[in-house]
Amino acid sequence: MNRHIIVALHIVIAQGFILYHTLPAIFSRIRRPVLDTPVSDTPELDTPVLDTGGRSIGKLFVSVKEIAKGSNGTVVFEGTYEGRTVAVKRLVKAHHDAASKEIQNLLVSDQHPNIVRYYGCEYDCDFVYLSLERCDCSLYDLIKYSKSFQPCKPNGYPSSDLLKLMRDIVVGLVHLHDLGIIHRDLKPHNVLIVKGKRLSCKLSDMGISKRLVADVSSLGSNATGSGSSGWQAPEQLCQGRQTRAVDLFSLGCVIFFCMTGGRHPFGDHLERDINVTNNKKVNLSLVKDIPEAVNLIIKLLNPVPEDRPKASDVLHHPLFWNSDMRMSFLKDTSDRVNLENRKVSIVRVLENKGRVAFGRNWDEKMEPAFISYMGESKHRKYNYKRVRCLLRVIRNSLNHYRDLPKEIQELLGSVPEGFDDYFRCRFPKLLMNVYNVMYLYCKEEKWFCKYLEC
């Protein structure tokens, strides 16, 4: 049977059961439950063990052990559904609209690795019980309380694990947006963590998410639900036109939260909404040493929705590049501009970035032994004031790494991780400044396309 027909039947059945068991006099659309109670103070990502107490409801067994609590009477329990360990989200039946909407959007977005799985639902006279994929903790708990998770490398740059988790969130968001679904309540509490060979993120809690009508880019003026305080876009707070861009603003807050060990870009809890509404300038001093993060966060927190990037664009941002991609880009850029006349616009603009990228002379930031070796050849003369020459040094060192003296190899480190760390620590602003210029002039060129499809 066609998958779309199956999904439609699930939705009709779920809605019918809820409406049948609901007292018709009480319902008005209200805000969806928000789960913000931490799973534990120190999440260790252990495999859940079900409590022996509980009760059976149809195919579902609900344990007495609580995982989290939310607003409007929502509680999450451990449980099993058809023998599978699950998280049981119990909603007060009076809030049938939120339950129905969540079921619809979970069914539509199901089978994606970065969206929490939906297995089924059961009902009694008071509650609706959603059987959801059992995760280990929330992103909020992981960042705030975990003692084992390492968000940063010793040099202060984000670890590969943290970059993967943030990228997982973006991948999940791209999937929702491709389906026309706006999450509308993206925050660290609603991003769940699953332990496997590596940690992974899954978007959850889509009770106030909305699916756009075909060929329509925004919700109607009567859209209900407003997300969670402190994580909403200004147009949500001001009851303006809501598009996919509301999720991108929230994503900017989540990325800042991850990069700063649990801080919020708009201050303490009680002042966040006011600061967002008043467009208060974000203090980026906590991430100033990571220009890629600064660049992306500024774009995501733009108060003008139309000026925020799309989720698919964020996915390819240099913040998420690994060492191999970073070094490959600088090398390819060197090849692209090396033979250009110095009066060509792209070269002039690139060289104008030199003072920002490395200061006065780039050789001052590198060891004399390395500079001396690279300058020995009669065929390789470098101008220490030129960005093109610094890029050529990086390119030549990569291309001829095996021919370098052992002491120079040890100085630069392994390829690509050590190599990237060496140049990144000395020229932290180089990549982002070069990228901005090349994106402006070369984004349509074939060589650049792979950096927009990574």
Protein backbone atom coordinates (compact mmCIF):
# COMPACT_ATOMS: atom_id res chain seq x y z
CA MET A 1 0.00 0.00 0.00
CA ASN A 2 1.26 3.47 -0.82
CA ARG A 3 3.16 4.99 2.15
CA HIS A 4 1.20 8.25 1.91
CA ILE A 5 -2.09 6.33 2.25
CA ILE A 6 -0.74 4.47 5.30
CA VAL A 7 0.33 7.74 6.92
CA ALA A 8 -3.07 9.28 6.23
CA LEU A 9 -4.86 6.29 7.79
CA HIS A 10 -2.67 6.53 10.92
CA ILE A 11 -3.52 10.20 11.26
CA VAL A 12 -7.27 9.63 10.82
CA ILE A 13 -7.30 6.78 13.35
CA ALA A 14 -5.27 8.80 15.89
CA GLN A 15 -7.54 11.81 15.56
CA GLY A 16 -10.67 9.66 15.78
CA PHE A 17 -9.60 7.98 19.00
CA ILE A 18 -8.65 11.25 20.62
CA LEU A 19 -11.85 13.02 19.68
CA TYR A 20 -13.96 10.06 20.73
CA HIS A 21 -12.54 10.08 24.25
CA THR A 22 -12.51 13.87 24.66
CA LEU A 23 -15.22 15.94 26.30
CA PRO A 24 -16.24 18.29 23.51
CA ALA A 25 -16.97 21.36 25.60
CA ILE A 26 -13.53 22.22 26.80
CA PHE A 27 -11.18 22.65 23.97
CA SER A 28 -9.52 25.73 22.80
CA ARG A 29 -6.11 25.69 21.21
CA ILE A 30 -3.48 26.11 23.83
CA ARG A 31 0.24 25.95 24.11
CA ARG A 32 1.91 22.61 23.72
CA PRO A 33 3.64 20.98 26.69
CA VAL A 34 7.25 21.88 27.08
CA LEU A 35 9.58 19.38 28.65
CA ASP A 36 12.19 21.26 30.57
CA THR A 37 12.81 19.19 33.66
CA PRO A 38 16.33 17.72 33.41
CA VAL A 39 16.56 13.95 33.15
CA SER A 40 19.12 13.95 35.91
CA ASP A 41 21.75 16.23 37.39
CA THR A 42 24.61 14.19 35.98
CA PRO A 43 23.51 12.22 32.93
CA GLU A 44 25.77 9.22 32.41
CA LEU A 45 23.96 7.96 29.30
CA ASP A 46 23.26 4.57 30.86
CA THR A 47 20.88 2.03 29.31
CA PRO A 48 17.46 2.56 30.94
CA VAL A 49 16.23 -0.06 33.39
CA LEU A 50 12.46 -0.30 33.69
CA ASP A 51 10.85 -0.13 37.09
CA THR A 52 8.83 -3.24 37.94
CA GLY A 53 5.79 -1.12 38.87
CA GLY A 54 3.39 0.27 36.32
CA ARG A 55 0.32 -0.60 34.27
CA SER A 56 -0.59 -1.97 30.86
CA ILE A 57 -2.71 0.01 28.37
CA GLY A 58 -3.30 -1.91 25.16
CA LYS A 59 0.08 -2.71 23.59
CA LEU A 60 1.80 -0.34 25.98
CA PHE A 61 3.27 -0.91 29.44
CA VAL A 62 3.81 2.33 31.37
CA SER A 63 6.37 2.24 34.18
CA VAL A 64 6.02 4.37 37.28
CA LYS A 65 9.51 5.74 36.69
CA GLU A 66 9.40 9.34 35.44
CA ILE A 67 11.89 10.63 32.92
CA ALA A 68 10.73 14.24 32.73
CA LYS A 69 7.87 16.60 33.45
CA GLY A 70 6.43 19.34 31.29
CA SER A 71 3.73 21.97 31.43
CA ASN A 72 -0.01 21.37 31.16
CA GLY A 73 0.26 18.10 33.05
CA THR A 74 2.56 16.35 30.60
CA VAL A 75 4.78 13.64 32.10
CA VAL A 76 7.25 11.32 30.37
CA PHE A 77 7.67 7.79 31.76
CA GLU A 78 9.77 4.80 30.87
CA GLY A 79 7.83 1.99 29.29
CA THR A 80 7.62 -0.74 26.65
CA TYR A 81 5.56 -0.88 23.48
CA GLU A 82 5.21 -4.27 21.82
CA GLY A 83 8.28 -5.40 23.77
CA ARG A 84 10.40 -2.40 22.76
CA THR A 85 11.81 -0.02 25.39
CA VAL A 86 10.23 3.39 24.81
CA ALA A 87 9.67 6.80 26.34
CA VAL A 88 5.98 7.25 27.11
CA LYS A 89 4.77 10.80 26.76
CA ARG A 90 1.52 11.13 28.69
CA LEU A 91 -0.63 14.12 27.71
CA VAL A 92 -3.84 15.24 29.35
CA LYS A 93 -6.58 14.29 26.91
CA ALA A 94 -8.03 17.80 27.02
CA HIS A 95 -4.96 18.85 25.03
CA HIS A 96 -5.93 16.56 22.15
CA ASP A 97 -5.00 19.16 19.53
CA ALA A 98 -1.33 19.12 20.57
CA ALA A 99 -1.28 15.31 20.70
CA SER A 100 -2.91 14.96 17.29
CA LYS A 101 -0.57 17.50 15.71
CA GLU A 102 2.49 15.82 17.19
CA ILE A 103 1.38 12.41 15.90
CA GLN A 104 0.77 13.79 12.41
CA ASN A 105 4.17 15.41 12.11
CA LEU A 106 6.00 12.46 13.68
CA LEU A 107 4.41 10.13 11.15
CA VAL A 108 5.32 12.39 8.24
CA SER A 109 8.93 12.87 9.38
CA ASP A 110 9.48 9.30 10.62
CA GLN A 111 12.41 7.08 9.59
CA HIS A 112 15.00 9.86 9.74
CA PRO A 113 18.08 9.32 11.96
CA ASN A 114 17.86 12.82 13.44
CA ILE A 115 14.14 12.81 14.28
CA VAL A 116 12.84 10.92 17.31
CA ARG A 117 10.91 7.80 16.25
CA TYR A 118 7.18 7.38 16.88
CA TYR A 119 5.94 3.81 17.49
CA GLY A 120 2.28 4.17 18.40
CA CYS A 121 -0.21 5.53 20.93
CA GLU A 122 -2.78 4.30 23.44
CA TYR A 123 -5.57 6.02 25.38
CA ASP A 124 -7.53 5.78 28.57
CA CYS A 125 -10.31 7.97 29.87
CA ASP A 126 -7.96 10.76 30.99
CA PHE A 127 -4.76 10.63 28.96
CA VAL A 128 -3.15 10.08 25.58
CA TYR A 129 0.07 8.02 25.67
CA LEU A 130 2.60 8.49 22.88
CA SER A 131 5.22 5.74 22.53
CA LEU A 132 8.45 7.40 21.40
CA GLU A 133 12.04 6.35 20.85
CA ARG A 134 13.87 6.03 24.17
CA CYS A 135 16.87 8.34 24.22
CA ASP A 136 19.55 8.69 26.88
CA CYS A 137 19.28 12.36 27.86
CA SER A 138 18.66 15.80 26.41
CA LEU A 139 21.23 18.10 24.85
CA TYR A 140 20.56 20.46 27.74
CA ASP A 141 21.58 17.82 30.28
CA LEU A 142 24.59 16.73 28.26
CA ILE A 143 26.04 20.23 27.97
CA LYS A 144 25.15 21.41 31.47
CA TYR A 145 25.73 18.34 33.60
CA SER A 146 27.71 15.56 31.92
CA LYS A 147 31.18 15.02 33.35
CA SER A 148 32.32 12.62 30.63
CA PHE A 149 31.40 14.63 27.53
CA GLN A 150 34.21 16.79 26.17
CA PRO A 151 32.84 19.74 24.15
CA CYS A 152 36.24 21.28 23.45
CA LYS A 153 39.70 20.15 22.42
CA PRO A 154 42.71 21.17 24.55
CA ASN A 155 43.34 24.11 22.19
CA GLY A 156 39.87 25.50 22.92
CA TYR A 157 38.30 24.64 19.57
CA PRO A 158 35.10 22.56 19.50
CA SER A 159 35.61 18.80 19.62
CA SER A 160 34.58 16.59 16.72
CA ASP A 161 31.83 15.15 18.94
CA LEU A 162 30.31 18.57 19.60
CA LEU A 163 30.49 19.53 15.93
CA LYS A 164 28.76 16.29 15.00
CA LEU A 165 25.95 16.87 17.49
CA MET A 166 25.35 20.42 16.25
CA ARG A 167 25.44 19.20 12.66
CA ASP A 168 22.91 16.46 13.53
CA ILE A 169 20.51 19.17 14.67
CA VAL A 170 20.90 21.00 11.38
CA VAL A 171 20.42 17.79 9.38
CA GLY A 172 17.19 17.08 11.28
CA LEU A 173 16.02 20.63 10.68
CA VAL A 174 16.75 20.36 6.95
CA HIS A 175 14.60 17.22 6.85
CA LEU A 176 11.68 18.91 8.58
CA HIS A 177 11.89 22.00 6.39
CA ASP A 178 12.04 19.88 3.23
CA LEU A 179 8.73 18.37 4.36
CA GLY A 180 7.29 21.82 4.98
CA ILE A 181 7.31 21.36 8.77
CA ILE A 182 8.32 24.26 11.03
CA HIS A 183 9.34 22.96 14.45
CA ARG A 184 8.68 26.26 16.26
CA ASP A 185 10.08 25.10 19.61
CA LEU A 186 13.71 24.23 19.00
CA LYS A 187 15.75 24.39 22.21
CA PRO A 188 18.33 22.19 23.99
CA HIS A 189 15.60 20.47 26.05
CA ASN A 190 13.88 19.30 22.86
CA VAL A 191 17.02 17.84 21.32
CA LEU A 192 17.58 14.29 22.58
CA ILE A 193 20.84 12.35 22.73
CA VAL A 194 21.29 8.71 21.75
CA LYS A 195 24.39 6.74 22.66
CA GLY A 196 25.91 4.52 19.97
CA LYS A 197 29.38 4.23 18.53
CA ARG A 198 29.16 8.01 18.62
CA LEU A 199 26.62 10.29 20.25
CA SER A 200 23.84 11.50 17.97
CA CYS A 201 21.08 14.09 18.21
CA LYS A 202 17.37 13.71 17.49
CA LEU A 203 14.79 16.49 17.31
CA SER A 204 11.73 15.87 19.45
CA ASP A 205 8.64 17.46 21.00
CA MET A 206 6.76 18.68 17.95
CA GLY A 207 3.41 19.42 19.57
CA ILE A 208 3.24 22.98 18.25
CA SER A 209 5.04 22.29 14.99
CA LYS A 210 3.12 23.28 11.88
CA ARG A 211 3.16 21.92 8.36
CA LEU A 212 2.97 24.49 5.62
CA VAL A 213 0.38 24.16 2.90
CA ALA A 214 1.93 23.38 -0.50
CA ASP A 215 3.63 26.38 -2.16
CA VAL A 216 3.03 28.53 0.94
CA SER A 217 6.10 29.85 2.80
CA SER A 218 4.51 31.13 6.01
CA LEU A 219 1.86 30.22 8.56
CA GLY A 220 -1.44 32.04 8.73
CA SER A 221 -1.97 34.88 11.17
CA ASN A 222 -4.02 32.56 13.39
CA ALA A 223 -1.16 30.12 14.08
CA THR A 224 -1.42 28.93 17.68
CA GLY A 225 1.38 28.11 20.10
CA SER A 226 4.38 30.31 20.66
CA GLY A 227 7.30 28.10 21.62
CA SER A 228 9.32 28.33 24.82
CA SER A 229 10.32 31.52 26.55
CA GLY A 230 13.89 32.46 25.80
CA TRP A 231 14.22 30.44 22.60
CA GLN A 232 11.75 32.18 20.29
CA ALA A 233 12.46 34.36 17.29
CA PRO A 234 11.41 38.02 17.52
CA GLU A 235 8.58 37.47 15.02
CA GLN A 236 7.15 34.78 17.31
CA LEU A 237 7.30 37.09 20.31
CA CYS A 238 5.69 39.91 18.34
CA GLN A 239 3.08 37.63 16.74
CA GLY A 240 4.38 38.35 13.27
CA ARG A 241 4.60 36.26 10.12
CA GLN A 242 6.16 32.88 10.91
CA THR A 243 8.29 31.05 8.35
CA ARG A 244 10.98 28.40 8.51
CA ALA A 245 13.27 31.24 9.62
CA VAL A 246 11.90 31.05 13.19
CA ASP A 247 13.72 27.72 13.56
CA LEU A 248 16.96 29.25 12.30
CA PHE A 249 16.87 31.94 14.98
CA SER A 250 16.33 29.27 17.65
CA LEU A 251 19.16 27.26 16.09
CA GLY A 252 21.48 30.24 16.59
CA CYS A 253 20.61 30.25 20.29
CA VAL A 254 21.19 26.48 20.53
CA ILE A 255 24.58 26.65 18.79
CA PHE A 256 25.66 29.48 21.11
CA PHE A 257 24.47 27.34 24.06
CA CYS A 258 26.59 24.41 22.85
CA MET A 259 29.70 26.48 22.10
CA THR A 260 29.69 28.25 25.47
CA GLY A 261 29.01 25.35 27.83
CA GLY A 262 25.38 26.25 28.44
CA ARG A 263 25.22 30.05 28.17
CA HIS A 264 22.47 31.91 26.34
CA PRO A 265 23.17 34.69 23.79
CA PHE A 266 20.47 36.94 25.25
CA GLY A 267 21.36 36.68 28.92
CA ASP A 268 19.60 35.28 31.97
CA HIS A 269 16.25 33.53 31.82
CA LEU A 270 14.03 36.46 32.80
CA GLU A 271 15.59 38.99 30.42
CA ARG A 272 15.90 36.91 27.23
CA ASP A 273 12.54 37.66 25.62
CA ILE A 274 12.89 41.38 26.30
CA ASN A 275 16.41 41.42 24.85
CA VAL A 276 15.28 39.55 21.73
CA THR A 277 12.31 41.87 21.22
CA ASN A 278 14.50 44.97 21.68
CA ASN A 279 17.16 43.55 19.34
CA LYS A 280 19.84 43.87 21.98
CA LYS A 281 23.30 43.26 20.58
CA VAL A 282 24.59 39.79 21.42
CA ASN A 283 27.83 39.57 23.41
CA LEU A 284 29.96 37.22 21.31
CA SER A 285 33.08 37.55 23.44
CA LEU A 286 32.68 33.94 24.63
CA VAL A 287 33.17 32.65 21.08
CA LYS A 288 35.44 35.40 19.71
CA ASP A 289 38.33 32.96 19.26
CA ILE A 290 36.26 30.83 16.87
CA PRO A 291 35.48 33.13 13.91
CA GLU A 292 33.43 30.45 12.14
CA ALA A 293 31.05 30.32 15.11
CA VAL A 294 30.85 34.12 15.30
CA ASN A 295 30.03 34.34 11.60
CA LEU A 296 27.28 31.71 11.74
CA ILE A 297 25.67 32.88 14.97
CA ILE A 298 25.46 36.48 13.73
CA LYS A 299 23.69 35.28 10.58
CA LEU A 300 21.25 33.05 12.47
CA LEU A 301 20.34 35.69 15.05
CA ASN A 302 19.60 38.33 12.44
CA PRO A 303 16.39 40.11 13.55
CA VAL A 304 15.21 40.19 9.92
CA PRO A 305 13.84 36.70 9.09
CA GLU A 306 14.49 37.03 5.35
CA ASP A 307 18.19 37.66 6.00
CA ARG A 308 18.77 34.46 7.95
CA PRO A 309 20.31 31.55 6.02
CA LYS A 310 18.32 28.47 5.11
CA ALA A 311 18.94 25.28 7.09
CA SER A 312 20.47 23.68 3.99
CA ASP A 313 22.97 26.55 3.75
CA VAL A 314 23.90 26.21 7.43
CA LEU A 315 24.68 22.55 6.83
CA HIS A 316 27.61 23.52 4.60
CA HIS A 317 28.97 26.33 6.76
CA PRO A 318 32.73 26.17 7.53
CA LEU A 319 31.99 25.78 11.25
CA PHE A 320 31.11 22.15 10.53
CA TRP A 321 34.09 21.37 8.30
CA ASN A 322 36.60 18.81 9.52
CA SER A 323 40.36 19.36 9.28
CA ASP A 324 40.63 17.70 5.89
CA MET A 325 37.93 19.96 4.42
CA ARG A 326 39.49 23.10 5.91
CA MET A 327 42.95 22.34 4.52
CA SER A 328 41.55 21.25 1.16
CA PHE A 329 39.69 24.54 0.81
CA LEU A 330 42.77 26.68 1.52
CA LYS A 331 44.81 24.60 -0.90
CA ASP A 332 42.18 24.83 -3.65
CA THR A 333 41.88 28.57 -3.08
CA SER A 334 45.63 28.94 -3.52
CA ASP A 335 45.43 27.11 -6.84
CA ARG A 336 42.55 29.33 -7.92
CA VAL A 337 44.17 32.72 -7.19
CA ASN A 338 47.86 31.95 -7.61
CA LEU A 339 48.06 32.79 -11.31
CA GLU A 340 45.65 35.71 -11.24
CA ASN A 341 46.93 39.20 -11.97
CA ARG A 342 47.29 41.14 -8.74
CA LYS A 343 44.99 43.86 -10.13
CA VAL A 344 42.06 41.46 -10.61
CA SER A 345 39.20 42.23 -8.21
CA ILE A 346 39.25 38.89 -6.41
CA VAL A 347 42.97 39.24 -5.62
CA ARG A 348 42.65 42.84 -4.46
CA VAL A 349 39.73 42.01 -2.16
CA LEU A 350 41.54 38.96 -0.83
CA GLU A 351 44.69 40.94 -0.06
CA ASN A 352 42.64 43.61 1.69
CA LYS A 353 41.72 40.92 4.22
CA GLY A 354 45.37 40.37 5.09
CA ARG A 355 45.57 42.75 8.03
CA VAL A 356 42.49 41.13 9.60
CA ALA A 357 43.68 37.60 8.86
CA PHE A 358 47.26 37.80 10.14
CA GLY A 359 48.23 41.33 11.12
CA ARG A 360 51.28 43.00 9.62
CA ASN A 361 53.50 40.11 8.42
CA TRP A 362 52.45 36.47 8.62
CA ASP A 363 56.01 35.18 9.08
CA GLU A 364 56.06 36.77 12.55
CA LYS A 365 53.60 34.14 13.75
CA MET A 366 55.63 31.17 12.51
CA GLU A 367 58.85 29.49 13.64
CA PRO A 368 62.08 30.76 12.01
CA ALA A 369 63.10 27.19 11.11
CA PHE A 370 59.95 26.71 9.08
CA ILE A 371 60.18 30.10 7.37
CA SER A 372 63.84 29.54 6.60
CA TYR A 373 63.21 26.14 5.04
CA MET A 374 60.24 27.28 2.94
CA GLY A 375 62.21 30.25 1.63
CA GLU A 376 65.37 28.36 0.64
CA SER A 377 64.30 27.42 -2.87
CA LYS A 378 65.09 29.86 -5.67
CA HIS A 379 61.72 28.97 -7.19
CA ARG A 380 59.67 29.83 -4.10
CA LYS A 381 59.77 33.45 -3.01
CA TYR A 382 57.16 34.64 -0.54
CA ASN A 383 55.97 38.11 0.32
CA TYR A 384 55.10 38.00 4.02
CA LYS A 385 52.48 40.71 3.62
CA ARG A 386 50.44 38.81 1.02
CA VAL A 387 47.51 36.48 1.70
CA ARG A 388 48.23 34.67 -1.57
CA CYS A 389 51.73 33.85 -0.39
CA LEU A 390 50.51 32.49 2.95
CA LEU A 391 48.02 30.30 1.09
CA ARG A 392 50.84 29.11 -1.19
CA VAL A 393 52.94 28.16 1.84
CA ILE A 394 50.05 26.08 3.15
CA ARG A 395 49.49 24.50 -0.28
CA ASN A 396 53.18 23.69 -0.83
CA SER A 397 53.60 22.28 2.67
CA LEU A 398 50.62 19.97 2.11
CA ASN A 399 51.64 18.87 -1.37
CA HIS A 400 55.23 18.17 -0.36
CA TYR A 401 54.70 17.04 3.22
CA ARG A 402 56.59 13.76 2.76
CA ASP A 403 59.61 15.64 1.44
CA LEU A 404 59.82 17.97 4.43
CA PRO A 405 62.61 17.43 6.97
CA LYS A 406 61.53 15.40 9.98
CA GLU A 407 61.84 18.38 12.34
CA ILE A 408 59.51 20.43 10.12
CA GLN A 409 57.00 17.55 9.96
CA GLU A 410 57.06 17.33 13.75
CA LEU A 411 56.53 21.07 13.97
CA LEU A 412 53.50 21.01 11.66
CA GLY A 413 52.02 17.80 13.06
CA SER A 414 50.12 15.07 11.25
CA VAL A 415 48.01 15.64 8.15
CA PRO A 416 45.31 16.84 8.30
CA GLU A 417 44.51 17.28 12.03
CA GLY A 418 47.87 18.48 13.31
CA PHE A 419 48.44 20.54 10.19
CA ASP A 420 45.08 22.24 10.61
CA ASP A 421 45.75 22.94 14.29
CA TYR A 422 49.13 24.48 13.49
CA PHE A 423 47.80 27.05 11.02
CA ARG A 424 44.49 27.56 12.78
CA CYS A 425 46.15 28.51 16.08
CA ARG A 426 48.41 31.02 14.34
CA PHE A 427 45.84 32.41 11.90
CA PRO A 428 42.39 31.79 13.40
CA LYS A 429 40.70 34.35 11.14
CA LEU A 430 42.27 33.19 7.89
CA LEU A 431 39.76 30.55 6.80
CA MET A 432 36.62 32.61 7.37
CA ASN A 433 38.03 35.71 5.68
CA VAL A 434 39.19 33.72 2.67
CA TYR A 435 35.91 31.84 2.49
CA ASN A 436 33.82 35.02 2.45
CA VAL A 437 35.81 36.40 -0.48
CA MET A 438 35.77 33.17 -2.48
CA TYR A 439 32.07 32.66 -1.85
CA LEU A 440 31.39 36.11 -3.22
CA TYR A 441 33.41 35.60 -6.40
CA CYS A 442 33.54 31.84 -6.99
CA LYS A 443 30.40 30.16 -5.62
CA GLU A 444 29.23 29.34 -9.16
CA GLU A 445 32.56 27.80 -10.18
CA LYS A 446 32.87 24.03 -10.37
CA TRP A 447 35.76 23.72 -7.91
CA PHE A 448 33.79 25.59 -5.24
CA CYS A 449 30.65 23.47 -5.56
CA LYS A 450 32.00 20.62 -3.44
CA TYR A 451 32.20 23.00 -0.48
CA LEU A 452 28.49 23.74 -0.86
CA GLU A 453 27.58 20.05 -0.99
CA CYS A 454 29.71 18.63 1.83
